[in-house]
Amino acid sequence: MPAQTHMPHEIQRLQREAPRYVRAIIEKTKTFPKVKSIDELEPGSIELLEGGVASALYSVRNLDELVVIKLRKDGIEAERESLEAWAKEGVRIPTIRHQGVVPKSLEKAKIKYLLLDFIVNKKGERASTGVAFLRKNPNRARQMGQVLGRTLARMHRAKSKRSFGEFADTVGKSKTPIRTWNKYLLGYVRLHHTYLQRLGISRRLLRQLMRSIEKIRFSSRGIYVHGDYSLRNVMVESSKPLKIVVFDPNPLIGDPSWDIAILFNNRDYRRKRYEWDPTVPHYREAYRIEERFFDGFWKSYRLATRKNISLDKIRIAQLIQTIIHLQAEEHKTYQSKAMNELEVRVRREVLFERFGSLDLDH
């Protein structure tokens, strides 16, 4: 089980220690009733999957049965709570088999896990992610966008009584409750003041940004936000008709604009890559597909919600997320020289566009 070298050191360590964690989970939970020891599985039965920056994700196969084991130091309870809240709104999620703490862990902090059924298609085969499906079926980009738009609208019906922010593994009321979404956003900007000034963002612009955030009127009650809603975090369960399953959230209690901004930003990153070099056929085609996908998503989401959606809220969320994305790409490039530095330049350029076009005095 090789570690992903561009991941944070903590996650690389988690991945290196994963064999004994996976062994303990399979043997303790009797994931496969007839398998008493992990040694009884065929070679190659365990595979490292692409996951988020805070978790290690593995698929485990025994004959025709396929499961997913997700390992994290925190956030497992939050993930399960969010998935179940969306399921009540009619959103398709993976079947949750088990949740617990890895036994006999040598870590000081507990390693928590979620055991899920892997999503399969009608033929019983391993389902494709939205990214893989669209790569093979680019002509269905608009339709895929429509499905993601309708699905996200359902997810955003799931309201929470919790305070705003990353509720992680807290039970009941948050230990340090954030009463408004404005305060959550302001806290993130304050945390990155020095970093943004180092990039060349003036103190005046930062003060104006914070005043703009303070003036926006967000709902007093938050909803379960996915936090990483995109094609890579949905599985295509059926192609005819097109049906998806939502998985791998990085959940927040927040405002719907946070999830929407992710899709807006993905489109803008594609656009910026294309603008850097319009002669590259791959960039041009990827941007065209992204435009069709986004058009389907945005129209279907607005139709399904039947509400006026504030573009000011989305723009603020886009700006703050671009800071997050830029830092992530900088870290990847630093950790692995094989990573493409173009992604850093794209996000940096988009960040300055955000500050340049956002009506901060509005």
Protein backbone atom coordinates (compact mmCIF):
# COMPACT_ATOMS: atom_id res chain seq x y z
CA MET A 1 0.00 0.00 0.00
CA PRO A 2 2.17 2.92 -1.19
CA ALA A 3 1.63 6.34 0.39
CA GLN A 4 0.71 9.29 -1.85
CA THR A 5 3.79 11.50 -1.60
CA HIS A 6 1.97 14.78 -2.31
CA MET A 7 -0.26 14.29 0.74
CA PRO A 8 0.44 15.96 4.12
CA HIS A 9 2.98 14.03 6.26
CA GLU A 10 0.26 13.06 8.73
CA ILE A 11 -1.79 11.37 5.98
CA GLN A 12 1.28 9.70 4.48
CA ARG A 13 1.98 8.20 7.90
CA LEU A 14 -1.64 7.09 8.16
CA GLN A 15 -1.31 5.38 4.78
CA ARG A 16 1.97 3.69 5.74
CA GLU A 17 0.37 2.30 8.91
CA ALA A 18 -2.82 1.34 7.07
CA PRO A 19 -2.04 -2.40 6.56
CA ARG A 20 -2.37 -3.19 10.24
CA TYR A 21 -5.38 -0.88 10.57
CA VAL A 22 -7.17 -2.56 7.67
CA ARG A 23 -6.25 -5.99 9.05
CA ALA A 24 -7.73 -5.10 12.45
CA ILE A 25 -10.95 -3.71 10.94
CA ILE A 26 -11.59 -6.68 8.66
CA GLU A 27 -10.88 -9.24 11.35
CA LYS A 28 -12.74 -7.42 14.14
CA THR A 29 -15.90 -6.52 12.21
CA LYS A 30 -16.00 -9.80 10.24
CA THR A 31 -16.49 -7.74 7.10
CA PHE A 32 -16.50 -10.97 5.10
CA PRO A 33 -18.16 -13.69 7.24
CA LYS A 34 -16.06 -16.53 5.82
CA VAL A 35 -12.77 -14.64 6.09
CA LYS A 36 -11.16 -14.95 9.54
CA SER A 37 -7.85 -13.37 8.61
CA ILE A 38 -6.77 -10.79 6.05
CA ASP A 39 -4.15 -13.32 4.93
CA GLU A 40 -6.96 -15.36 3.36
CA LEU A 41 -7.65 -12.62 0.79
CA GLU A 42 -6.19 -12.93 -2.69
CA PRO A 43 -3.08 -10.82 -3.50
CA GLY A 44 -4.09 -7.42 -4.83
CA SER A 45 -7.43 -7.45 -2.99
CA ILE A 46 -6.63 -4.19 -1.17
CA GLU A 47 -6.19 -1.00 -3.18
CA LEU A 48 -5.34 2.56 -2.17
CA LEU A 49 -7.93 4.98 -3.56
CA GLU A 50 -7.64 8.68 -4.24
CA GLY A 51 -8.99 10.45 -1.18
CA GLY A 52 -9.13 13.81 0.50
CA VAL A 53 -6.26 15.48 2.33
CA ALA A 54 -7.55 14.37 5.73
CA SER A 55 -8.17 10.65 5.16
CA ALA A 56 -6.80 7.39 3.81
CA LEU A 57 -9.21 5.43 1.60
CA TYR A 58 -9.02 1.77 0.55
CA SER A 59 -11.11 -0.70 -1.39
CA VAL A 60 -11.11 -4.32 -0.21
CA ARG A 61 -12.39 -7.20 -2.36
CA ASN A 62 -13.31 -10.76 -1.48
CA LEU A 63 -14.64 -12.72 -4.46
CA ASP A 64 -17.60 -10.63 -5.72
CA GLU A 65 -17.94 -8.54 -2.56
CA LEU A 66 -16.36 -5.09 -2.51
CA VAL A 67 -16.16 -2.62 0.40
CA VAL A 68 -14.48 0.69 1.19
CA ILE A 69 -12.59 1.47 4.39
CA LYS A 70 -12.05 5.14 5.21
CA LEU A 71 -9.53 6.05 7.92
CA ARG A 72 -9.40 9.44 9.67
CA LYS A 73 -8.29 10.86 13.00
CA ASP A 74 -11.49 12.90 13.23
CA GLY A 75 -14.56 13.74 11.20
CA ILE A 76 -15.96 10.22 10.79
CA GLU A 77 -19.05 10.90 12.91
CA ALA A 78 -19.60 14.15 11.04
CA GLU A 79 -19.37 12.37 7.71
CA ARG A 80 -21.87 9.72 8.72
CA GLU A 81 -24.28 12.29 10.15
CA SER A 82 -24.16 14.32 6.94
CA LEU A 83 -24.63 11.31 4.65
CA GLU A 84 -27.64 10.16 6.67
CA ALA A 85 -29.14 13.67 6.69
CA TRP A 86 -28.93 13.78 2.86
CA ALA A 87 -30.37 10.29 2.56
CA LYS A 88 -33.51 11.51 4.37
CA GLU A 89 -33.91 14.05 1.54
CA GLY A 90 -33.83 11.32 -1.10
CA VAL A 91 -30.12 11.54 -1.99
CA ARG A 92 -28.42 8.25 -2.82
CA ILE A 93 -25.46 7.48 -0.52
CA PRO A 94 -23.26 4.39 0.01
CA THR A 95 -24.61 1.77 2.41
CA ILE A 96 -22.87 2.26 5.77
CA ARG A 97 -21.85 -1.07 7.30
CA HIS A 98 -19.90 -0.06 10.35
CA GLN A 99 -18.29 2.86 12.15
CA GLY A 100 -15.72 2.62 14.91
CA VAL A 101 -12.21 3.06 16.27
CA VAL A 102 -9.30 0.96 15.03
CA PRO A 103 -8.42 -1.55 17.77
CA LYS A 104 -4.86 -1.83 19.13
CA SER A 105 -3.74 1.38 17.47
CA LEU A 106 -0.21 2.47 18.40
CA GLU A 107 -1.11 6.09 17.66
CA LYS A 108 -1.58 8.56 20.51
CA ALA A 109 -4.72 9.80 18.79
CA LYS A 110 -7.47 7.34 17.98
CA ILE A 111 -7.78 6.26 14.36
CA LYS A 112 -11.43 6.16 13.35
CA TYR A 113 -12.95 4.40 10.40
CA LEU A 114 -16.06 4.09 8.29
CA LEU A 115 -16.85 0.82 6.51
CA LEU A 116 -19.03 1.24 3.42
CA ASP A 117 -20.28 -0.85 0.54
CA PHE A 118 -18.49 0.06 -2.68
CA ILE A 119 -20.91 1.40 -5.29
CA VAL A 120 -21.50 -1.00 -8.17
CA ASN A 121 -23.46 -0.56 -11.40
CA LYS A 122 -26.35 -2.66 -12.70
CA LYS A 123 -23.90 -5.28 -13.97
CA GLY A 124 -22.37 -5.64 -10.52
CA GLU A 125 -19.16 -3.98 -11.69
CA ARG A 126 -17.26 -1.31 -9.80
CA ALA A 127 -18.99 2.00 -10.56
CA SER A 128 -17.10 4.86 -12.19
CA THR A 129 -16.58 8.25 -10.63
CA GLY A 130 -18.26 11.17 -12.34
CA VAL A 131 -14.85 12.22 -13.70
CA ALA A 132 -14.19 8.83 -15.30
CA PHE A 133 -17.72 8.62 -16.70
CA LEU A 134 -17.52 12.04 -18.32
CA ARG A 135 -14.09 11.26 -19.76
CA LYS A 136 -15.67 8.37 -21.67
CA ASN A 137 -18.96 10.17 -22.38
CA PRO A 138 -18.16 13.86 -23.01
CA ASN A 139 -21.39 14.27 -24.97
CA ARG A 140 -23.33 13.78 -21.72
CA ALA A 141 -21.69 16.68 -19.88
CA ARG A 142 -24.82 18.81 -19.77
CA GLN A 143 -26.94 15.90 -18.56
CA MET A 144 -24.40 15.07 -15.86
CA GLY A 145 -24.48 18.69 -14.73
CA GLN A 146 -28.27 18.57 -14.51
CA VAL A 147 -28.17 15.47 -12.31
CA LEU A 148 -25.58 17.01 -9.98
CA GLY A 149 -27.61 20.22 -9.80
CA ARG A 150 -30.84 18.45 -8.82
CA THR A 151 -28.98 16.27 -6.31
CA LEU A 152 -27.28 19.23 -4.63
CA ALA A 153 -30.61 21.02 -4.35
CA ARG A 154 -31.96 18.02 -2.39
CA MET A 155 -28.85 17.94 -0.19
CA HIS A 156 -29.32 21.60 0.68
CA ARG A 157 -32.77 20.89 2.12
CA ALA A 158 -31.08 19.13 5.05
CA LYS A 159 -30.94 21.80 7.76
CA SER A 160 -29.05 21.49 11.02
CA LYS A 161 -29.49 22.83 14.54
CA ARG A 162 -25.72 22.85 15.03
CA SER A 163 -23.64 26.01 15.01
CA PHE A 164 -21.65 26.92 11.91
CA GLY A 165 -18.30 25.49 10.81
CA GLU A 166 -16.50 22.15 10.94
CA PHE A 167 -18.46 20.18 13.50
CA ALA A 168 -16.06 17.22 13.16
CA ASP A 169 -16.69 14.66 15.91
CA THR A 170 -18.39 16.89 18.44
CA VAL A 171 -21.54 15.54 20.02
CA GLY A 172 -24.44 17.89 20.67
CA LYS A 173 -23.52 21.56 20.83
CA SER A 174 -20.13 22.66 19.52
CA LYS A 175 -17.53 23.37 22.22
CA THR A 176 -16.87 26.83 20.76
CA PRO A 177 -20.02 27.61 18.76
CA ILE A 178 -19.85 29.97 15.79
CA ARG A 179 -23.23 31.66 15.71
CA THR A 180 -23.19 33.01 12.14
CA TRP A 181 -21.71 32.00 8.78
CA ASN A 182 -20.27 35.51 8.53
CA LYS A 183 -18.10 34.85 11.57
CA TYR A 184 -16.87 31.56 10.14
CA LEU A 185 -15.77 33.26 6.90
CA LEU A 186 -14.21 36.19 8.76
CA GLY A 187 -12.23 33.79 10.93
CA TYR A 188 -10.77 32.13 7.85
CA VAL A 189 -9.71 35.46 6.34
CA ARG A 190 -8.07 36.56 9.60
CA LEU A 191 -6.20 33.26 9.81
CA HIS A 192 -4.64 33.90 6.39
CA HIS A 193 -3.90 37.64 6.62
CA THR A 194 -0.11 37.14 6.64
CA TYR A 195 -0.19 34.61 3.80
CA LEU A 196 -2.33 36.87 1.60
CA GLN A 197 -0.15 39.91 2.26
CA ARG A 198 2.88 37.84 1.29
CA LEU A 199 1.15 37.14 -2.03
CA GLY A 200 0.72 40.88 -2.59
CA ILE A 201 -2.84 41.49 -1.34
CA SER A 202 -2.91 44.86 0.43
CA ARG A 203 -4.24 45.46 3.91
CA ARG A 204 -6.79 47.85 2.42
CA LEU A 205 -8.23 45.09 0.21
CA LEU A 206 -8.35 42.69 3.14
CA ARG A 207 -10.21 45.26 5.29
CA GLN A 208 -12.67 45.86 2.46
CA LEU A 209 -13.20 42.11 2.04
CA MET A 210 -13.97 41.70 5.73
CA ARG A 211 -16.43 44.62 5.69
CA SER A 212 -18.19 43.05 2.70
CA ILE A 213 -18.50 39.72 4.53
CA GLU A 214 -19.92 41.46 7.60
CA LYS A 215 -22.64 43.15 5.52
CA ILE A 216 -23.97 40.01 3.79
CA ARG A 217 -27.15 38.58 5.29
CA PHE A 218 -26.87 34.80 5.60
CA SER A 219 -29.52 32.51 7.02
CA SER A 220 -29.44 32.16 10.80
CA ARG A 221 -29.67 28.39 10.42
CA GLY A 222 -27.08 26.35 8.55
CA ILE A 223 -27.43 23.33 6.29
CA TYR A 224 -25.24 20.26 5.85
CA VAL A 225 -22.66 21.36 3.28
CA HIS A 226 -20.70 18.67 1.40
CA GLY A 227 -17.53 20.75 1.28
CA ASP A 228 -16.04 19.03 -1.78
CA TYR A 229 -18.99 18.51 -4.12
CA SER A 230 -17.77 17.76 -7.62
CA LEU A 231 -17.55 15.03 -10.27
CA ARG A 232 -14.79 13.25 -8.39
CA ASN A 233 -17.01 12.72 -5.33
CA VAL A 234 -19.98 11.12 -7.03
CA MET A 235 -20.23 7.59 -8.41
CA VAL A 236 -22.31 6.72 -11.47
CA GLU A 237 -24.59 3.90 -10.37
CA SER A 238 -26.57 3.82 -13.62
CA SER A 239 -25.97 5.41 -17.02
CA LYS A 240 -29.48 4.81 -18.45
CA PRO A 241 -31.13 6.52 -16.70
CA LEU A 242 -28.25 8.52 -15.25
CA LYS A 243 -28.12 8.05 -11.47
CA ILE A 244 -25.38 9.09 -9.05
CA VAL A 245 -24.35 8.28 -5.50
CA VAL A 246 -22.76 10.99 -3.34
CA PHE A 247 -19.76 10.07 -1.18
CA ASP A 248 -16.58 11.34 0.55
CA PRO A 249 -17.79 14.67 1.96
CA ASN A 250 -15.68 17.09 3.95
CA PRO A 251 -18.77 18.28 5.80
CA LEU A 252 -19.53 21.68 7.23
CA ILE A 253 -22.54 23.35 8.72
CA GLY A 254 -22.77 26.38 6.48
CA ASP A 255 -24.42 28.24 3.64
CA PRO A 256 -25.40 26.63 0.29
CA SER A 257 -23.13 29.10 -1.53
CA TRP A 258 -20.10 27.16 -0.25
CA ASP A 259 -20.95 24.05 -2.31
CA ILE A 260 -22.06 26.06 -5.33
CA ALA A 261 -18.79 28.02 -5.36
CA ILE A 262 -16.83 24.79 -5.82
CA LEU A 263 -18.47 24.21 -9.21
CA PHE A 264 -18.02 27.87 -10.17
CA ASN A 265 -14.33 27.67 -9.33
CA ASN A 266 -13.80 24.42 -11.24
CA ARG A 267 -15.17 26.12 -14.34
CA ASP A 268 -12.92 29.14 -13.85
CA TYR A 269 -9.80 26.99 -13.39
CA ARG A 270 -10.58 25.23 -16.68
CA ARG A 271 -11.05 28.58 -18.35
CA LYS A 272 -7.77 29.90 -17.03
CA ARG A 273 -5.81 26.84 -18.22
CA TYR A 274 -7.29 27.33 -21.67
CA GLU A 275 -6.46 31.04 -21.67
CA TRP A 276 -2.84 30.28 -20.72
CA ASP A 277 -2.42 28.36 -24.00
CA PRO A 278 -5.47 28.17 -26.35
CA THR A 279 -3.43 26.12 -28.86
CA VAL A 280 -3.41 23.02 -26.62
CA PRO A 281 -6.30 20.83 -27.85
CA HIS A 282 -6.73 19.15 -24.45
CA TYR A 283 -7.25 22.47 -22.64
CA ARG A 284 -9.71 23.68 -25.27
CA GLU A 285 -11.80 20.49 -25.24
CA ALA A 286 -11.76 20.23 -21.43
CA TYR A 287 -13.00 23.80 -21.16
CA ARG A 288 -15.84 23.18 -23.65
CA ILE A 289 -16.95 20.10 -21.72
CA GLU A 290 -16.75 22.01 -18.43
CA GLU A 291 -18.90 24.82 -19.85
CA ARG A 292 -21.64 22.38 -20.89
CA PHE A 293 -21.47 20.60 -17.54
CA PHE A 294 -21.63 23.85 -15.58
CA ASP A 295 -24.52 25.20 -17.67
CA GLY A 296 -26.53 22.04 -16.92
CA PHE A 297 -25.66 22.18 -13.24
CA TRP A 298 -26.46 25.84 -12.66
CA LYS A 299 -29.77 25.85 -14.51
CA SER A 300 -31.02 22.66 -12.87
CA TYR A 301 -29.97 23.76 -9.37
CA ARG A 302 -31.80 27.07 -9.66
CA LEU A 303 -34.89 25.37 -11.09
CA ALA A 304 -34.92 22.77 -8.31
CA THR A 305 -34.45 25.26 -5.46
CA ARG A 306 -36.86 27.87 -6.88
CA LYS A 307 -35.08 30.54 -4.89
CA ASN A 308 -33.13 33.66 -5.74
CA ILE A 309 -29.46 32.81 -5.24
CA SER A 310 -27.15 35.64 -4.24
CA LEU A 311 -24.15 35.86 -6.55
CA ASP A 312 -22.42 38.05 -3.92
CA LYS A 313 -22.44 35.10 -1.50
CA ILE A 314 -21.05 32.78 -4.17
CA ARG A 315 -18.28 35.23 -5.11
CA ILE A 316 -17.18 35.55 -1.48
CA ALA A 317 -17.11 31.75 -1.15
CA GLN A 318 -15.16 31.47 -4.42
CA LEU A 319 -12.52 33.88 -3.20
CA ILE A 320 -11.98 32.11 0.11
CA GLN A 321 -11.93 28.67 -1.53
CA THR A 322 -9.35 29.88 -4.04
CA ILE A 323 -7.06 30.61 -1.08
CA ILE A 324 -7.58 27.03 0.11
CA HIS A 325 -6.97 25.58 -3.37
CA LEU A 326 -3.86 27.68 -3.97
CA GLN A 327 -2.30 26.55 -0.71
CA ALA A 328 -3.11 22.91 -1.52
CA GLU A 329 -1.47 23.13 -4.95
CA GLU A 330 1.57 24.89 -3.51
CA HIS A 331 1.93 22.07 -0.99
CA LYS A 332 1.63 19.40 -3.70
CA THR A 333 4.24 21.08 -5.86
CA TYR A 334 6.59 21.43 -2.90
CA GLN A 335 6.15 17.80 -1.83
CA SER A 336 6.42 16.28 -5.31
CA LYS A 337 8.45 17.87 -8.07
CA ALA A 338 6.38 15.86 -10.54
CA MET A 339 3.30 17.98 -9.84
CA ASN A 340 2.47 20.54 -12.53
CA GLU A 341 3.30 24.07 -11.40
CA LEU A 342 0.72 25.34 -13.88
CA GLU A 343 -1.98 24.56 -11.29
CA VAL A 344 -0.31 26.93 -8.83
CA ARG A 345 -0.14 29.70 -11.45
CA VAL A 346 -3.78 29.13 -12.45
CA ARG A 347 -5.07 29.46 -8.90
CA ARG A 348 -2.87 32.44 -8.12
CA GLU A 349 -4.10 34.21 -11.24
CA VAL A 350 -7.74 33.41 -10.38
CA LEU A 351 -7.23 34.66 -6.81
CA PHE A 352 -6.04 38.05 -8.06
CA GLU A 353 -8.99 38.15 -10.48
CA ARG A 354 -11.31 37.56 -7.53
CA PHE A 355 -9.91 40.53 -5.63
CA GLY A 356 -9.92 42.62 -8.79
CA SER A 357 -13.52 41.93 -9.84
CA LEU A 358 -15.27 41.54 -6.48
CA ASP A 359 -17.30 44.64 -5.62
CA LEU A 360 -15.77 45.03 -2.19
CA ASP A 361 -17.42 48.36 -1.48
CA HIS A 362 -20.91 47.06 -2.29
